[in-house]
Amino acid sequence: MNRPMAPIEDSIEGSRAVSRKQGIRKAIRPAGLLRNNPEAKQTESQTLRRHIIALLRGQAQDVRALSQALRVQEKEVCAHLAHVERSVAAAGDRFIVTPSQCLLCGYVFEDRRKLTRPSRCPKCKRSKLQSPSFRIVAPTQSSTNGSF
């Protein structure tokens, strides 16, 4: 028997349930995209990456703070950060990464190219590490001033 699919139902929390043969799947919208959020009107048209860029222009944040602000998994934020870095560079801004640091011995992961948190320190072999933080800054205009 073919049953028609149930219509999408929006709840107050911003999740929707879609009936499928396998069961019910819930999709949760990012925090800025909730319908009961007063800021939803202005951020509803923003994509997740544009929302990340807007958050990083304000202040330096780590992956955990970004995932909590956007209400998505940290893994998803890490996947978007590489694209955000390229988009920011194409726009002429600077994507600044403050590297991870071991909180026990002080080792700094300066040469690490990955944007994710390392699993352990190569020096002391412990895993008490500070996560990298990210920030976007506009280039300074003083170098193009023309004064000698």
C-alpha atoms as a PDB file:
ATOM      1  CA  MET A   1       0.000   0.000   0.000  1.00  0.00           C
ATOM      2  CA  ASN A   2       1.232   3.449  -0.837  1.00  0.00           C
ATOM      3  CA  ARG A   3       0.512   5.962   1.867  1.00  0.00           C
ATOM      4  CA  PRO A   4       0.883   9.672   1.235  1.00  0.00           C
ATOM      5  CA  MET A   5       3.597  11.414   3.230  1.00  0.00           C
ATOM      6  CA  ALA A   6       2.501  13.433   6.220  1.00  0.00           C
ATOM      7  CA  PRO A   7       2.847  17.189   5.891  1.00  0.00           C
ATOM      8  CA  ILE A   8       5.731  18.980   7.550  1.00  0.00           C
ATOM      9  CA  GLU A   9       4.774  20.208  10.994  1.00  0.00           C
ATOM     10  CA  ASP A  10       6.668  23.121  12.616  1.00  0.00           C
ATOM     11  CA  SER A  11       6.795  23.117  16.377  1.00  0.00           C
ATOM     12  CA  ILE A  12       7.708  25.956  18.703  1.00  0.00           C
ATOM     13  CA  GLU A  13      11.239  24.604  19.214  1.00  0.00           C
ATOM     14  CA  GLY A  14      11.954  24.857  15.488  1.00  0.00           C
ATOM     15  CA  SER A  15      12.111  21.151  14.697  1.00  0.00           C
ATOM     16  CA  ARG A  16      10.048  19.428  12.079  1.00  0.00           C
ATOM     17  CA  ALA A  17       9.032  15.818  11.802  1.00  0.00           C
ATOM     18  CA  VAL A  18       8.674  14.123   8.432  1.00  0.00           C
ATOM     19  CA  SER A  19       6.983  10.742   8.224  1.00  0.00           C
ATOM     20  CA  ARG A  20       8.930   8.151   6.240  1.00  0.00           C
ATOM     21  CA  LYS A  21       8.730   4.380   5.803  1.00  0.00           C
ATOM     22  CA  GLN A  22      11.745   3.938   8.090  1.00  0.00           C
ATOM     23  CA  GLY A  23      10.241   6.063  10.848  1.00  0.00           C
ATOM     24  CA  ILE A  24      10.289   9.702  11.839  1.00  0.00           C
ATOM     25  CA  ARG A  25      13.239  11.960  11.094  1.00  0.00           C
ATOM     26  CA  LYS A  26      13.718  15.219  12.957  1.00  0.00           C
ATOM     27  CA  ALA A  27      15.615  18.143  11.486  1.00  0.00           C
ATOM     28  CA  ILE A  28      16.626  20.992  13.749  1.00  0.00           C
ATOM     29  CA  ARG A  29      17.244  24.457  12.419  1.00  0.00           C
ATOM     30  CA  PRO A  30      20.190  26.568  13.637  1.00  0.00           C
ATOM     31  CA  ALA A  31      19.403  28.921  16.545  1.00  0.00           C
ATOM     32  CA  GLY A  32      19.254  32.029  14.360  1.00  0.00           C
ATOM     33  CA  LEU A  33      16.710  30.413  12.063  1.00  0.00           C
ATOM     34  CA  LEU A  34      14.008  29.548  14.593  1.00  0.00           C
ATOM     35  CA  ARG A  35      10.627  31.026  13.803  1.00  0.00           C
ATOM     36  CA  ASN A  36       9.975  32.171  17.361  1.00  0.00           C
ATOM     37  CA  ASN A  37      13.339  33.961  17.534  1.00  0.00           C
ATOM     38  CA  PRO A  38      12.968  37.776  17.267  1.00  0.00           C
ATOM     39  CA  GLU A  39      16.151  37.953  15.188  1.00  0.00           C
ATOM     40  CA  ALA A  40      14.900  35.309  12.759  1.00  0.00           C
ATOM     41  CA  LYS A  41      13.656  37.850  10.240  1.00  0.00           C
ATOM     42  CA  GLN A  42      17.132  39.260   9.591  1.00  0.00           C
ATOM     43  CA  THR A  43      19.123  36.002   9.848  1.00  0.00           C
ATOM     44  CA  GLU A  44      16.686  33.703   8.057  1.00  0.00           C
ATOM     45  CA  SER A  45      18.235  34.504   4.675  1.00  0.00           C
ATOM     46  CA  GLN A  46      21.803  33.874   5.903  1.00  0.00           C
ATOM     47  CA  THR A  47      23.451  30.573   5.156  1.00  0.00           C
ATOM     48  CA  LEU A  48      25.284  28.706   7.878  1.00  0.00           C
ATOM     49  CA  ARG A  49      28.678  29.811   6.533  1.00  0.00           C
ATOM     50  CA  ARG A  50      27.633  33.458   6.390  1.00  0.00           C
ATOM     51  CA  HIS A  51      26.406  33.145   9.953  1.00  0.00           C
ATOM     52  CA  ILE A  52      29.817  31.726  10.981  1.00  0.00           C
ATOM     53  CA  ILE A  53      31.540  34.658   9.252  1.00  0.00           C
ATOM     54  CA  ALA A  54      29.304  37.130  11.086  1.00  0.00           C
ATOM     55  CA  LEU A  55      30.102  35.505  14.440  1.00  0.00           C
ATOM     56  CA  LEU A  56      33.853  35.472  13.775  1.00  0.00           C
ATOM     57  CA  ARG A  57      33.905  39.158  12.764  1.00  0.00           C
ATOM     58  CA  GLY A  58      32.704  40.090  16.246  1.00  0.00           C
ATOM     59  CA  GLN A  59      35.296  38.237  18.331  1.00  0.00           C
ATOM     60  CA  ALA A  60      37.579  35.204  18.385  1.00  0.00           C
ATOM     61  CA  GLN A  61      35.705  31.967  19.042  1.00  0.00           C
ATOM     62  CA  ASP A  62      36.544  28.287  19.149  1.00  0.00           C
ATOM     63  CA  VAL A  63      34.638  25.464  17.465  1.00  0.00           C
ATOM     64  CA  ARG A  64      32.626  24.636  20.585  1.00  0.00           C
ATOM     65  CA  ALA A  65      31.372  28.228  20.983  1.00  0.00           C
ATOM     66  CA  LEU A  66      30.423  28.345  17.290  1.00  0.00           C
ATOM     67  CA  SER A  67      28.573  25.029  17.472  1.00  0.00           C
ATOM     68  CA  GLN A  68      26.634  26.151  20.542  1.00  0.00           C
ATOM     69  CA  ALA A  69      25.719  29.493  18.962  1.00  0.00           C
ATOM     70  CA  LEU A  70      24.553  27.819  15.733  1.00  0.00           C
ATOM     71  CA  ARG A  71      23.114  24.692  17.394  1.00  0.00           C
ATOM     72  CA  VAL A  72      24.962  22.311  15.072  1.00  0.00           C
ATOM     73  CA  GLN A  73      27.559  19.625  15.762  1.00  0.00           C
ATOM     74  CA  GLU A  74      31.222  20.584  16.147  1.00  0.00           C
ATOM     75  CA  LYS A  75      32.093  18.237  13.281  1.00  0.00           C
ATOM     76  CA  GLU A  76      29.820  20.225  10.969  1.00  0.00           C
ATOM     77  CA  VAL A  77      31.370  23.544  12.036  1.00  0.00           C
ATOM     78  CA  CYS A  78      34.875  22.167  11.323  1.00  0.00           C
ATOM     79  CA  ALA A  79      33.780  21.132   7.841  1.00  0.00           C
ATOM     80  CA  HIS A  80      32.492  24.650   7.126  1.00  0.00           C
ATOM     81  CA  LEU A  81      35.554  26.453   8.527  1.00  0.00           C
ATOM     82  CA  ALA A  82      37.811  25.442   5.611  1.00  0.00           C
ATOM     83  CA  HIS A  83      35.314  26.967   3.175  1.00  0.00           C
ATOM     84  CA  VAL A  84      34.898  30.046   5.350  1.00  0.00           C
ATOM     85  CA  GLU A  85      38.678  30.521   5.290  1.00  0.00           C
ATOM     86  CA  ARG A  86      38.694  30.515   1.483  1.00  0.00           C
ATOM     87  CA  SER A  87      35.691  32.835   1.223  1.00  0.00           C
ATOM     88  CA  VAL A  88      37.233  35.327   3.620  1.00  0.00           C
ATOM     89  CA  ALA A  89      40.538  35.308   1.712  1.00  0.00           C
ATOM     90  CA  ALA A  90      38.707  35.885  -1.577  1.00  0.00           C
ATOM     91  CA  ALA A  91      36.908  38.877  -0.022  1.00  0.00           C
ATOM     92  CA  GLY A  92      40.259  40.379   1.005  1.00  0.00           C
ATOM     93  CA  ASP A  93      39.900  39.862   4.755  1.00  0.00           C
ATOM     94  CA  ARG A  94      42.216  37.868   7.026  1.00  0.00           C
ATOM     95  CA  PHE A  95      41.238  34.586   8.698  1.00  0.00           C
ATOM     96  CA  ILE A  96      43.367  34.384  11.855  1.00  0.00           C
ATOM     97  CA  VAL A  97      43.838  31.074  13.656  1.00  0.00           C
ATOM     98  CA  THR A  98      45.173  31.097  17.218  1.00  0.00           C
ATOM     99  CA  PRO A  99      46.789  27.649  17.441  1.00  0.00           C
ATOM    100  CA  SER A 100      46.068  24.979  20.031  1.00  0.00           C
ATOM    101  CA  GLN A 101      48.251  24.854  23.111  1.00  0.00           C
ATOM    102  CA  CYS A 102      48.977  22.171  25.700  1.00  0.00           C
ATOM    103  CA  LEU A 103      47.770  23.396  29.074  1.00  0.00           C
ATOM    104  CA  LEU A 104      50.289  21.221  30.969  1.00  0.00           C
ATOM    105  CA  CYS A 105      53.654  21.746  29.237  1.00  0.00           C
ATOM    106  CA  GLY A 106      52.874  24.844  27.129  1.00  0.00           C
ATOM    107  CA  TYR A 107      53.586  23.287  23.710  1.00  0.00           C
ATOM    108  CA  VAL A 108      52.048  25.386  20.903  1.00  0.00           C
ATOM    109  CA  PHE A 109      50.855  23.685  17.690  1.00  0.00           C
ATOM    110  CA  GLU A 110      52.142  26.464  15.389  1.00  0.00           C
ATOM    111  CA  ASP A 111      52.762  24.299  12.313  1.00  0.00           C
ATOM    112  CA  ARG A 112      49.386  22.528  12.380  1.00  0.00           C
ATOM    113  CA  ARG A 113      47.384  23.185   9.222  1.00  0.00           C
ATOM    114  CA  LYS A 114      44.201  21.351  10.279  1.00  0.00           C
ATOM    115  CA  LEU A 115      41.500  23.507  11.844  1.00  0.00           C
ATOM    116  CA  THR A 116      40.413  20.806  14.286  1.00  0.00           C
ATOM    117  CA  ARG A 117      41.613  20.256  17.831  1.00  0.00           C
ATOM    118  CA  PRO A 118      44.611  17.866  18.105  1.00  0.00           C
ATOM    119  CA  SER A 119      44.091  14.700  20.119  1.00  0.00           C
ATOM    120  CA  ARG A 120      47.218  14.873  22.302  1.00  0.00           C
ATOM    121  CA  CYS A 121      50.455  16.772  22.863  1.00  0.00           C
ATOM    122  CA  PRO A 122      53.514  15.334  21.061  1.00  0.00           C
ATOM    123  CA  LYS A 123      55.811  16.574  23.833  1.00  0.00           C
ATOM    124  CA  CYS A 124      54.155  15.318  27.055  1.00  0.00           C
ATOM    125  CA  LYS A 125      51.679  12.842  25.456  1.00  0.00           C
ATOM    126  CA  ARG A 126      48.769  14.232  27.489  1.00  0.00           C
ATOM    127  CA  SER A 127      45.421  15.353  26.087  1.00  0.00           C
ATOM    128  CA  LYS A 128      44.715  18.498  28.123  1.00  0.00           C
ATOM    129  CA  LEU A 129      44.709  20.920  25.200  1.00  0.00           C
ATOM    130  CA  GLN A 130      43.218  24.304  24.516  1.00  0.00           C
ATOM    131  CA  SER A 131      41.202  24.328  21.293  1.00  0.00           C
ATOM    132  CA  PRO A 132      42.225  26.639  18.451  1.00  0.00           C
ATOM    133  CA  SER A 133      40.271  29.859  18.134  1.00  0.00           C
ATOM    134  CA  PHE A 134      39.344  31.697  14.960  1.00  0.00           C
ATOM    135  CA  ARG A 135      38.805  35.343  14.098  1.00  0.00           C
ATOM    136  CA  ILE A 136      38.204  37.428  10.972  1.00  0.00           C
ATOM    137  CA  VAL A 137      39.707  40.893  10.641  1.00  0.00           C
ATOM    138  CA  ALA A 138      39.526  43.405   7.832  1.00  0.00           C
ATOM    139  CA  PRO A 139      42.861  44.510   6.359  1.00  0.00           C
ATOM    140  CA  THR A 140      44.236  47.777   7.697  1.00  0.00           C
ATOM    141  CA  GLN A 141      44.055  50.829   5.442  1.00  0.00           C
ATOM    142  CA  SER A 142      47.258  52.440   6.803  1.00  0.00           C
ATOM    143  CA  SER A 143      49.526  50.601   4.322  1.00  0.00           C
ATOM    144  CA  THR A 144      47.621  52.029   1.322  1.00  0.00           C
ATOM    145  CA  ASN A 145      47.548  55.558   2.730  1.00  0.00           C
ATOM    146  CA  GLY A 146      50.253  56.808   0.373  1.00  0.00           C
ATOM    147  CA  SER A 147      52.283  58.626   3.049  1.00  0.00           C
ATOM    148  CA  PHE A 148      56.011  58.052   3.189  1.00  0.00           C
END
